[in-house]
Amino acid sequence: MSEQAKESVRPVTEVAVGVMVQPDGRYLLAQRPEGKPYAGYWEFPGGKLEKGESVEAALARELHEELGIDVKACHRWHTLEHDYPHAYVRLYFCKVTEWSGEPHGREGQALAWQALPASVEPLLPATIPVLEWLAAE
């Protein structure tokens, strides 16, 4: 089935995703909490765009809600579409290079600063290409 045909059958869920990168190259992964699809899997934090919301605004809101930080500098980096059993998602990955506050799991989720290769498992399938992008830089 073509991507256009797939899009007409399943709604696209648009998601802003933060790839928080420290100056030494470490990046932040969050573990999906119980009760969500793929609970226990590790991913980059973020969440769904609300109606009329920009990617950057959604990312700032989601990272504040999930991690208790305020985004100071970010830029759109890559866009990826992934077909999960529970949702067809369009992921807008933004590299976050500056923030205020210390990230902590406000929803009870575990967080881990990682260096390449990631040492936590399992990884959410759409997370794997991002690690490859980071490695290629």
C-alpha atoms as a PDB file:
ATOM      1  CA  MET A   1       0.000   0.000   0.000  1.00  0.00           C
ATOM      2  CA  SER A   2       1.348   3.438  -0.881  1.00  0.00           C
ATOM      3  CA  GLU A   3       2.037   5.997   1.845  1.00  0.00           C
ATOM      4  CA  GLN A   4      -0.804   8.168   0.500  1.00  0.00           C
ATOM      5  CA  ALA A   5      -3.245   5.252   0.590  1.00  0.00           C
ATOM      6  CA  LYS A   6      -2.103   4.340   4.106  1.00  0.00           C
ATOM      7  CA  GLU A   7      -2.605   7.943   5.238  1.00  0.00           C
ATOM      8  CA  SER A   8      -6.171   7.950   3.919  1.00  0.00           C
ATOM      9  CA  VAL A   9      -6.976   4.736   5.827  1.00  0.00           C
ATOM     10  CA  ARG A  10      -5.316   5.632   9.150  1.00  0.00           C
ATOM     11  CA  PRO A  11      -5.177   9.081  10.691  1.00  0.00           C
ATOM     12  CA  VAL A  12      -1.718  10.553  11.138  1.00  0.00           C
ATOM     13  CA  THR A  13      -0.774  11.414  14.702  1.00  0.00           C
ATOM     14  CA  GLU A  14       1.720  14.288  14.677  1.00  0.00           C
ATOM     15  CA  VAL A  15       4.292  14.175  17.465  1.00  0.00           C
ATOM     16  CA  ALA A  16       7.028  16.603  18.538  1.00  0.00           C
ATOM     17  CA  VAL A  17      10.088  14.759  19.859  1.00  0.00           C
ATOM     18  CA  GLY A  18      13.008  16.254  21.771  1.00  0.00           C
ATOM     19  CA  VAL A  19      16.517  14.973  21.197  1.00  0.00           C
ATOM     20  CA  MET A  20      18.179  16.642  24.176  1.00  0.00           C
ATOM     21  CA  VAL A  21      21.927  16.717  23.580  1.00  0.00           C
ATOM     22  CA  GLN A  22      24.569  17.786  26.085  1.00  0.00           C
ATOM     23  CA  PRO A  23      27.863  19.404  24.961  1.00  0.00           C
ATOM     24  CA  ASP A  24      29.673  16.076  25.517  1.00  0.00           C
ATOM     25  CA  GLY A  25      27.275  14.340  23.083  1.00  0.00           C
ATOM     26  CA  ARG A  26      25.177  12.462  25.636  1.00  0.00           C
ATOM     27  CA  TYR A  27      21.449  12.403  24.897  1.00  0.00           C
ATOM     28  CA  LEU A  28      18.399  11.792  27.075  1.00  0.00           C
ATOM     29  CA  LEU A  29      16.105   8.771  26.765  1.00  0.00           C
ATOM     30  CA  ALA A  30      12.898   8.220  28.744  1.00  0.00           C
ATOM     31  CA  GLN A  31      11.190   4.940  29.537  1.00  0.00           C
ATOM     32  CA  ARG A  32       7.518   4.691  28.545  1.00  0.00           C
ATOM     33  CA  PRO A  33       5.354   4.344  31.657  1.00  0.00           C
ATOM     34  CA  GLU A  34       2.934   1.531  32.439  1.00  0.00           C
ATOM     35  CA  GLY A  35      -0.469   1.935  30.837  1.00  0.00           C
ATOM     36  CA  LYS A  36       0.885   3.316  27.534  1.00  0.00           C
ATOM     37  CA  PRO A  37       1.526   1.318  24.359  1.00  0.00           C
ATOM     38  CA  TYR A  38       5.070  -0.118  24.417  1.00  0.00           C
ATOM     39  CA  ALA A  39       5.339   0.372  28.203  1.00  0.00           C
ATOM     40  CA  GLY A  40       8.929  -0.171  29.343  1.00  0.00           C
ATOM     41  CA  TYR A  41      10.449   0.763  25.982  1.00  0.00           C
ATOM     42  CA  TRP A  42      12.965   3.622  25.815  1.00  0.00           C
ATOM     43  CA  GLU A  43      12.357   6.647  23.591  1.00  0.00           C
ATOM     44  CA  PHE A  44      13.155  10.296  23.128  1.00  0.00           C
ATOM     45  CA  PRO A  45      10.652  12.393  25.131  1.00  0.00           C
ATOM     46  CA  GLY A  46       7.874  14.388  23.503  1.00  0.00           C
ATOM     47  CA  GLY A  47       4.197  14.220  22.684  1.00  0.00           C
ATOM     48  CA  LYS A  48       1.302  14.919  20.369  1.00  0.00           C
ATOM     49  CA  LEU A  49       0.699  18.296  18.773  1.00  0.00           C
ATOM     50  CA  GLU A  50      -2.552  19.943  19.815  1.00  0.00           C
ATOM     51  CA  LYS A  51      -4.798  21.560  17.216  1.00  0.00           C
ATOM     52  CA  GLY A  52      -3.186  24.733  15.860  1.00  0.00           C
ATOM     53  CA  GLU A  53       0.041  24.198  17.819  1.00  0.00           C
ATOM     54  CA  SER A  54       3.466  24.457  16.164  1.00  0.00           C
ATOM     55  CA  VAL A  55       6.022  21.678  16.535  1.00  0.00           C
ATOM     56  CA  GLU A  56       8.228  23.923  18.657  1.00  0.00           C
ATOM     57  CA  ALA A  57       5.368  24.998  20.949  1.00  0.00           C
ATOM     58  CA  ALA A  58       4.237  21.381  21.392  1.00  0.00           C
ATOM     59  CA  LEU A  59       7.786  20.311  22.187  1.00  0.00           C
ATOM     60  CA  ALA A  60       8.265  23.058  24.787  1.00  0.00           C
ATOM     61  CA  ARG A  61       4.906  22.187  26.405  1.00  0.00           C
ATOM     62  CA  GLU A  62       5.525  18.427  26.416  1.00  0.00           C
ATOM     63  CA  LEU A  63       9.080  18.649  27.774  1.00  0.00           C
ATOM     64  CA  HIS A  64       7.888  20.966  30.535  1.00  0.00           C
ATOM     65  CA  GLU A  65       5.013  18.600  31.414  1.00  0.00           C
ATOM     66  CA  GLU A  66       7.111  15.413  31.236  1.00  0.00           C
ATOM     67  CA  LEU A  67      10.533  16.567  32.412  1.00  0.00           C
ATOM     68  CA  GLY A  68      10.015  19.865  34.252  1.00  0.00           C
ATOM     69  CA  ILE A  69      12.400  21.792  31.990  1.00  0.00           C
ATOM     70  CA  ASP A  70      12.057  24.933  29.881  1.00  0.00           C
ATOM     71  CA  VAL A  71      13.422  24.688  26.342  1.00  0.00           C
ATOM     72  CA  LYS A  72      15.717  27.620  25.509  1.00  0.00           C
ATOM     73  CA  ALA A  73      17.142  26.512  22.133  1.00  0.00           C
ATOM     74  CA  CYS A  74      15.983  23.862  19.668  1.00  0.00           C
ATOM     75  CA  HIS A  75      15.742  23.331  15.943  1.00  0.00           C
ATOM     76  CA  ARG A  76      13.867  20.886  13.730  1.00  0.00           C
ATOM     77  CA  TRP A  77      16.241  18.140  12.710  1.00  0.00           C
ATOM     78  CA  HIS A  78      14.531  15.169  10.995  1.00  0.00           C
ATOM     79  CA  THR A  79      10.998  13.997  10.259  1.00  0.00           C
ATOM     80  CA  LEU A  80      10.122  10.317  10.269  1.00  0.00           C
ATOM     81  CA  GLU A  81       6.869   8.451   9.736  1.00  0.00           C
ATOM     82  CA  HIS A  82       6.341   5.132  11.486  1.00  0.00           C
ATOM     83  CA  ASP A  83       3.437   2.691  11.345  1.00  0.00           C
ATOM     84  CA  TYR A  84       2.886   1.233  14.812  1.00  0.00           C
ATOM     85  CA  PRO A  85       0.057  -1.254  15.431  1.00  0.00           C
ATOM     86  CA  HIS A  86      -1.739   1.334  17.631  1.00  0.00           C
ATOM     87  CA  ALA A  87      -1.041   4.484  15.558  1.00  0.00           C
ATOM     88  CA  TYR A  88       0.486   5.870  12.375  1.00  0.00           C
ATOM     89  CA  VAL A  89       2.785   8.645  13.561  1.00  0.00           C
ATOM     90  CA  ARG A  90       4.669  11.526  11.957  1.00  0.00           C
ATOM     91  CA  LEU A  91       7.549  12.307  14.292  1.00  0.00           C
ATOM     92  CA  TYR A  92       9.168  15.742  14.176  1.00  0.00           C
ATOM     93  CA  PHE A  93      12.556  15.258  15.832  1.00  0.00           C
ATOM     94  CA  CYS A  94      13.980  18.489  17.204  1.00  0.00           C
ATOM     95  CA  LYS A  95      17.478  18.787  18.554  1.00  0.00           C
ATOM     96  CA  VAL A  96      17.335  20.549  21.923  1.00  0.00           C
ATOM     97  CA  THR A  97      20.679  22.115  22.774  1.00  0.00           C
ATOM     98  CA  GLU A  98      19.774  24.466  25.610  1.00  0.00           C
ATOM     99  CA  TRP A  99      17.264  24.243  28.461  1.00  0.00           C
ATOM    100  CA  SER A 100      16.812  25.410  32.019  1.00  0.00           C
ATOM    101  CA  GLY A 101      16.108  23.048  34.883  1.00  0.00           C
ATOM    102  CA  GLU A 102      17.268  19.508  35.545  1.00  0.00           C
ATOM    103  CA  PRO A 103      15.202  16.880  33.695  1.00  0.00           C
ATOM    104  CA  HIS A 104      13.258  14.556  35.986  1.00  0.00           C
ATOM    105  CA  GLY A 105      10.427  12.120  35.281  1.00  0.00           C
ATOM    106  CA  ARG A 106       7.314  14.059  36.301  1.00  0.00           C
ATOM    107  CA  GLU A 107       5.111  11.146  35.182  1.00  0.00           C
ATOM    108  CA  GLY A 108       7.091   8.531  37.109  1.00  0.00           C
ATOM    109  CA  GLN A 109       9.115   7.522  34.048  1.00  0.00           C
ATOM    110  CA  ALA A 110      12.789   6.551  34.296  1.00  0.00           C
ATOM    111  CA  LEU A 111      15.308   8.787  32.496  1.00  0.00           C
ATOM    112  CA  ALA A 112      18.824   7.928  31.347  1.00  0.00           C
ATOM    113  CA  TRP A 113      21.572  10.054  29.817  1.00  0.00           C
ATOM    114  CA  GLN A 114      23.197   7.877  27.168  1.00  0.00           C
ATOM    115  CA  ALA A 115      26.261   7.856  24.952  1.00  0.00           C
ATOM    116  CA  LEU A 116      26.390   5.952  21.665  1.00  0.00           C
ATOM    117  CA  PRO A 117      25.635   3.088  21.510  1.00  0.00           C
ATOM    118  CA  ALA A 118      22.625   3.136  23.843  1.00  0.00           C
ATOM    119  CA  SER A 119      22.977   0.856  26.856  1.00  0.00           C
ATOM    120  CA  VAL A 120      19.249   0.630  27.694  1.00  0.00           C
ATOM    121  CA  GLU A 121      16.771  -1.813  26.158  1.00  0.00           C
ATOM    122  CA  PRO A 122      14.340  -2.307  24.601  1.00  0.00           C
ATOM    123  CA  LEU A 123      14.340   0.720  22.316  1.00  0.00           C
ATOM    124  CA  LEU A 124      11.115   1.939  20.723  1.00  0.00           C
ATOM    125  CA  PRO A 125      11.402   1.084  16.986  1.00  0.00           C
ATOM    126  CA  ALA A 126      11.292   4.730  15.800  1.00  0.00           C
ATOM    127  CA  THR A 127      14.135   5.566  18.215  1.00  0.00           C
ATOM    128  CA  ILE A 128      16.679   3.392  16.394  1.00  0.00           C
ATOM    129  CA  PRO A 129      17.056   5.600  13.253  1.00  0.00           C
ATOM    130  CA  VAL A 130      17.664   8.630  15.501  1.00  0.00           C
ATOM    131  CA  LEU A 131      20.633   6.904  17.118  1.00  0.00           C
ATOM    132  CA  GLU A 132      21.986   6.217  13.617  1.00  0.00           C
ATOM    133  CA  TRP A 133      21.581   9.924  12.735  1.00  0.00           C
ATOM    134  CA  LEU A 134      23.446  10.916  15.897  1.00  0.00           C
ATOM    135  CA  ALA A 135      26.240   8.450  15.115  1.00  0.00           C
ATOM    136  CA  ALA A 136      26.598   9.865  11.587  1.00  0.00           C
ATOM    137  CA  GLU A 137      27.262  13.407  12.833  1.00  0.00           C
END
